[in-house]
Protein backbone atom coordinates (compact mmCIF):
# COMPACT_ATOMS: atom_id res chain seq x y z
CA UNK A 1 20.69 -21.42 -17.69
CA UNK A 2 23.73 -19.84 -16.05
CA UNK A 3 21.96 -16.47 -16.01
CA UNK A 4 18.95 -18.01 -14.24
CA UNK A 5 21.17 -19.71 -11.65
CA UNK A 6 23.09 -16.48 -11.04
CA UNK A 7 19.84 -14.56 -10.62
CA UNK A 8 18.54 -17.16 -8.17
CA UNK A 9 21.73 -17.03 -6.11
CA UNK A 10 21.62 -13.22 -6.06
CA UNK A 11 18.03 -13.33 -4.83
CA UNK A 12 19.03 -15.72 -2.03
CA UNK A 13 21.87 -13.41 -1.03
CA UNK A 14 19.54 -10.39 -0.93
CA UNK A 15 16.99 -12.26 1.21
CA UNK A 16 19.71 -13.41 3.59
CA UNK A 17 21.12 -9.89 3.84
CA UNK A 18 17.73 -8.41 4.63
CA UNK A 19 16.99 -11.10 7.19
CA UNK A 20 20.29 -10.58 8.97
CA UNK A 21 19.92 -6.81 8.89
CA UNK A 22 16.39 -6.85 10.29
CA UNK A 23 17.10 -9.52 12.85
CA UNK A 24 14.10 -10.70 14.85
CA UNK A 25 12.37 -7.31 15.09
CA UNK A 26 8.62 -7.31 14.79
CA UNK A 27 7.34 -5.97 11.47
CA UNK A 28 5.25 -2.88 12.21
CA UNK A 29 2.07 -2.37 10.13
CA UNK A 30 3.14 -5.34 8.03
CA UNK A 31 0.26 -5.07 5.54
CA UNK A 32 0.84 -1.40 4.81
CA UNK A 33 3.42 -0.86 2.07
CA UNK A 34 3.29 2.93 2.37
CA UNK A 35 2.83 3.88 6.04
CA UNK A 36 2.07 7.50 6.80
CA UNK A 37 3.61 9.37 9.71
CA UNK A 38 2.13 12.60 11.01
CA UNK A 39 4.73 14.84 12.63
CA UNK A 40 3.42 17.57 14.90
CA UNK A 41 6.26 20.06 15.17
CA UNK A 42 6.68 23.43 16.82
CA UNK A 43 6.46 24.97 13.34
CA UNK A 44 3.46 23.05 12.06
CA UNK A 45 2.36 19.66 10.75
CA UNK A 46 4.35 17.51 8.32
CA UNK A 47 3.01 14.24 6.90
CA UNK A 48 5.48 11.74 5.50
CA UNK A 49 4.69 8.71 3.36
CA UNK A 50 7.23 5.93 3.83
CA UNK A 51 8.16 3.47 1.08
CA UNK A 52 8.40 -0.07 2.40
CA UNK A 53 8.75 -1.49 -1.13
CA UNK A 54 12.04 0.33 -1.72
CA UNK A 55 13.40 0.58 1.83
CA UNK A 56 11.89 -2.13 4.07
CA UNK A 57 14.67 -2.10 6.66
CA UNK A 58 14.79 1.68 7.12
CA UNK A 59 11.00 1.95 7.23
CA UNK A 60 10.57 -0.74 9.86
CA UNK A 61 13.41 0.71 11.92
CA UNK A 62 11.82 4.18 11.77
CA UNK A 63 8.40 2.81 12.69
CA UNK A 64 9.81 1.15 15.80
CA UNK A 65 11.00 4.52 17.09
CA UNK A 66 7.66 6.11 16.17
CA UNK A 67 5.39 3.60 17.93
CA UNK A 68 7.61 3.54 21.01
CA UNK A 69 7.22 7.37 21.18
CA UNK A 70 11.00 7.71 21.01
CA UNK A 71 10.79 10.59 18.54
CA UNK A 72 8.39 12.59 20.70
CA UNK A 73 9.85 15.80 22.13
CA UNK A 74 13.09 15.55 20.19
CA UNK A 75 14.74 18.43 18.35
CA UNK A 76 15.92 19.15 14.85
CA UNK A 77 19.48 19.94 15.87
CA UNK A 78 21.10 20.53 12.47
CA UNK A 79 19.66 22.89 9.87
CA UNK A 80 21.45 23.94 6.68
CA UNK A 81 19.38 25.97 4.24
CA UNK A 82 19.08 24.38 0.78
CA UNK A 83 20.63 21.20 2.17
CA UNK A 84 19.17 19.33 5.17
CA UNK A 85 17.02 19.53 8.29
CA UNK A 86 18.22 16.78 10.64
CA UNK A 87 16.80 15.42 13.89
CA UNK A 88 15.58 12.45 15.85
CA UNK A 89 18.54 11.97 18.15
CA UNK A 90 18.37 14.48 21.02
CA UNK A 91 15.91 16.02 23.45
CA UNK A 92 15.66 19.78 24.00
CA UNK A 93 18.57 19.66 26.48
CA UNK A 94 20.76 17.97 23.83
CA UNK A 95 20.74 14.73 25.80
CA UNK A 96 21.08 11.78 23.38
CA UNK A 97 18.06 9.49 23.15
CA UNK A 98 18.54 5.75 23.53
CA UNK A 99 19.62 3.94 20.39
CA UNK A 100 18.99 0.53 18.91
CA UNK A 101 21.27 -1.35 16.56
CA UNK A 102 22.65 0.09 13.29
CA UNK A 103 20.84 -0.98 10.13
CA UNK A 104 21.88 -2.07 6.66
CA UNK A 105 22.30 0.69 4.07
CA UNK A 106 19.60 0.62 1.36
CA UNK A 107 20.76 3.64 -0.62
CA UNK A 108 20.78 1.69 -3.90
CA UNK A 109 16.98 1.42 -3.90
CA UNK A 110 16.39 4.03 -6.62
CA UNK A 111 14.97 6.73 -4.33
CA UNK A 112 16.81 10.03 -4.62
CA UNK A 113 17.90 12.64 -2.08
CA UNK A 114 15.68 15.27 -3.67
CA UNK A 115 13.71 18.06 -2.01
CA UNK A 116 11.08 16.76 0.41
CA UNK A 117 12.49 13.27 0.77
CA UNK A 118 13.36 11.78 4.16
CA UNK A 119 16.57 9.80 4.61
CA UNK A 120 18.58 8.08 7.33
CA UNK A 121 21.52 9.98 8.78
CA UNK A 122 24.74 8.04 9.34
CA UNK A 123 28.45 8.25 10.14
CA UNK A 124 31.24 7.46 7.64
CA UNK A 125 30.44 3.77 8.01
CA UNK A 126 27.69 3.25 5.39
CA UNK A 127 25.85 0.83 7.68
CA UNK A 128 25.85 3.06 10.79
CA UNK A 129 22.33 4.54 10.58
CA UNK A 130 20.41 4.10 13.83
CA UNK A 131 17.67 6.60 14.65
CA UNK A 132 18.63 10.03 13.32
CA UNK A 133 17.01 11.10 10.06
CA UNK A 134 16.99 14.16 7.84
CA UNK A 135 14.77 15.92 5.35
CA UNK A 136 16.38 16.95 2.11
CA UNK A 137 15.65 20.63 1.48
CA UNK A 138 17.64 20.78 -1.74
CA UNK A 139 18.47 18.58 -4.70
CA UNK A 140 21.23 16.68 -2.93
CA UNK A 141 22.58 14.41 -5.66
CA UNK A 142 25.90 14.21 -3.77
CA UNK A 143 24.12 12.09 -1.15
CA UNK A 144 22.94 9.52 -3.70
CA UNK A 145 24.99 6.36 -4.28
CA UNK A 146 27.58 6.27 -7.05
CA UNK A 147 30.65 4.10 -6.86
CA UNK A 148 30.25 4.33 -3.11
CA UNK A 149 27.35 4.09 -0.67
CA UNK A 150 24.88 6.94 -0.40
CA UNK A 151 22.27 7.90 2.20
CA UNK A 152 19.12 5.78 2.37
CA UNK A 153 15.97 7.60 1.28
CA UNK A 154 12.88 5.86 2.66
CA UNK A 155 9.97 8.23 2.05
CA UNK A 156 8.82 11.72 1.15
CA UNK A 157 6.72 14.61 2.46
CA UNK A 158 3.11 14.56 1.23
CA UNK A 159 1.86 17.46 3.34
CA UNK A 160 3.63 20.40 4.98
CA UNK A 161 6.34 21.32 2.48
CA UNK A 162 5.89 24.95 3.52
CA UNK A 163 6.62 23.92 7.12
CA UNK A 164 9.80 22.20 5.97
CA UNK A 165 10.83 25.31 4.04
CA UNK A 166 10.23 27.42 7.15
CA UNK A 167 12.42 25.07 9.17
CA UNK A 168 15.17 25.26 6.57
CA UNK A 169 15.13 29.08 6.74
CA UNK A 170 15.62 29.13 10.53
CA UNK A 171 18.49 31.18 11.89
CA UNK A 172 21.34 29.03 13.17
CA UNK A 173 24.64 29.49 14.95
CA UNK A 174 27.53 27.60 16.48
CA UNK A 175 26.45 25.89 19.72
CA UNK A 176 29.21 26.39 22.28
CA UNK A 177 28.01 23.65 24.63
CA UNK A 178 27.92 20.95 21.97
CA UNK A 179 30.63 22.31 19.70
CA UNK A 180 28.29 22.03 16.69
CA UNK A 181 27.64 24.46 13.85
CA UNK A 182 24.21 24.93 12.21
CA UNK A 183 22.13 24.64 15.40
CA UNK A 184 18.81 26.57 15.31
CA UNK A 185 18.77 29.55 17.67
CA UNK A 186 15.10 28.88 18.38
CA UNK A 187 14.62 25.15 19.07
CA UNK A 188 12.59 23.28 16.46
CA UNK A 189 10.77 20.50 18.29
CA UNK A 190 9.22 17.32 16.99
CA UNK A 191 6.41 17.28 19.52
CA UNK A 192 4.84 14.03 18.40
CA UNK A 193 5.26 11.45 15.62
CA UNK A 194 2.23 9.24 14.96
CA UNK A 195 1.65 6.23 12.70
CA UNK A 196 -1.64 6.96 10.94
CA UNK A 197 -4.34 4.58 9.62
CA UNK A 198 -3.85 3.25 6.07
CA UNK A 199 -6.62 5.43 4.62
CA UNK A 200 -5.48 8.60 6.38
CA UNK A 201 -5.74 11.81 4.37
CA UNK A 202 -4.56 14.98 6.06
CA UNK A 203 -6.86 17.95 5.67
CA UNK A 204 -5.72 21.41 6.63
CA UNK A 205 -7.78 22.68 9.54
CA UNK A 206 -9.33 26.15 9.03
CA UNK A 207 -7.75 28.94 11.01
CA UNK A 208 -9.77 31.31 13.15
CA UNK A 209 -9.41 34.90 12.04
């Protein structure tokens, strides 16, 4: 009986936490548990399948930026081979894009920071993720939760892994203007991010020889 009561109380706490973290934001594509996002980049197309079952807060937050076109014409400003390709926060002139509120960390959801997964970037505060995200281009177990908070994985690449690998191999250098290391010498641009229909299946278009 005590176990059942404890479980019920834990469930109430989790629901309350999620409600407070999501606030009154509209749920985007509410009936789609695994929304697909097509990313047209300057290096090719990447399709990402998001996991609303495991990371409802991060997915809905990401979708808000997608449907408001806030990710369009942003850059991947941080690239470290065999580690991460990070973007979503700046335009091509390194001007920060407008930000919403930070979201609750869902890193304990069972999804791992393995190659091809997409995760929310954050500061030292575990609940400081806002709009920046990164692709894991290595097996980054150090970013998974342990006794401390990790980085929230909320989906994975289903098409375009070779594009991601090409991004990860880009030449980088220290950017004097921003004072940042690991900035691509040739800008990598997220031209457009689009929420696709539920039954979307990406088919590689033939190339003209």
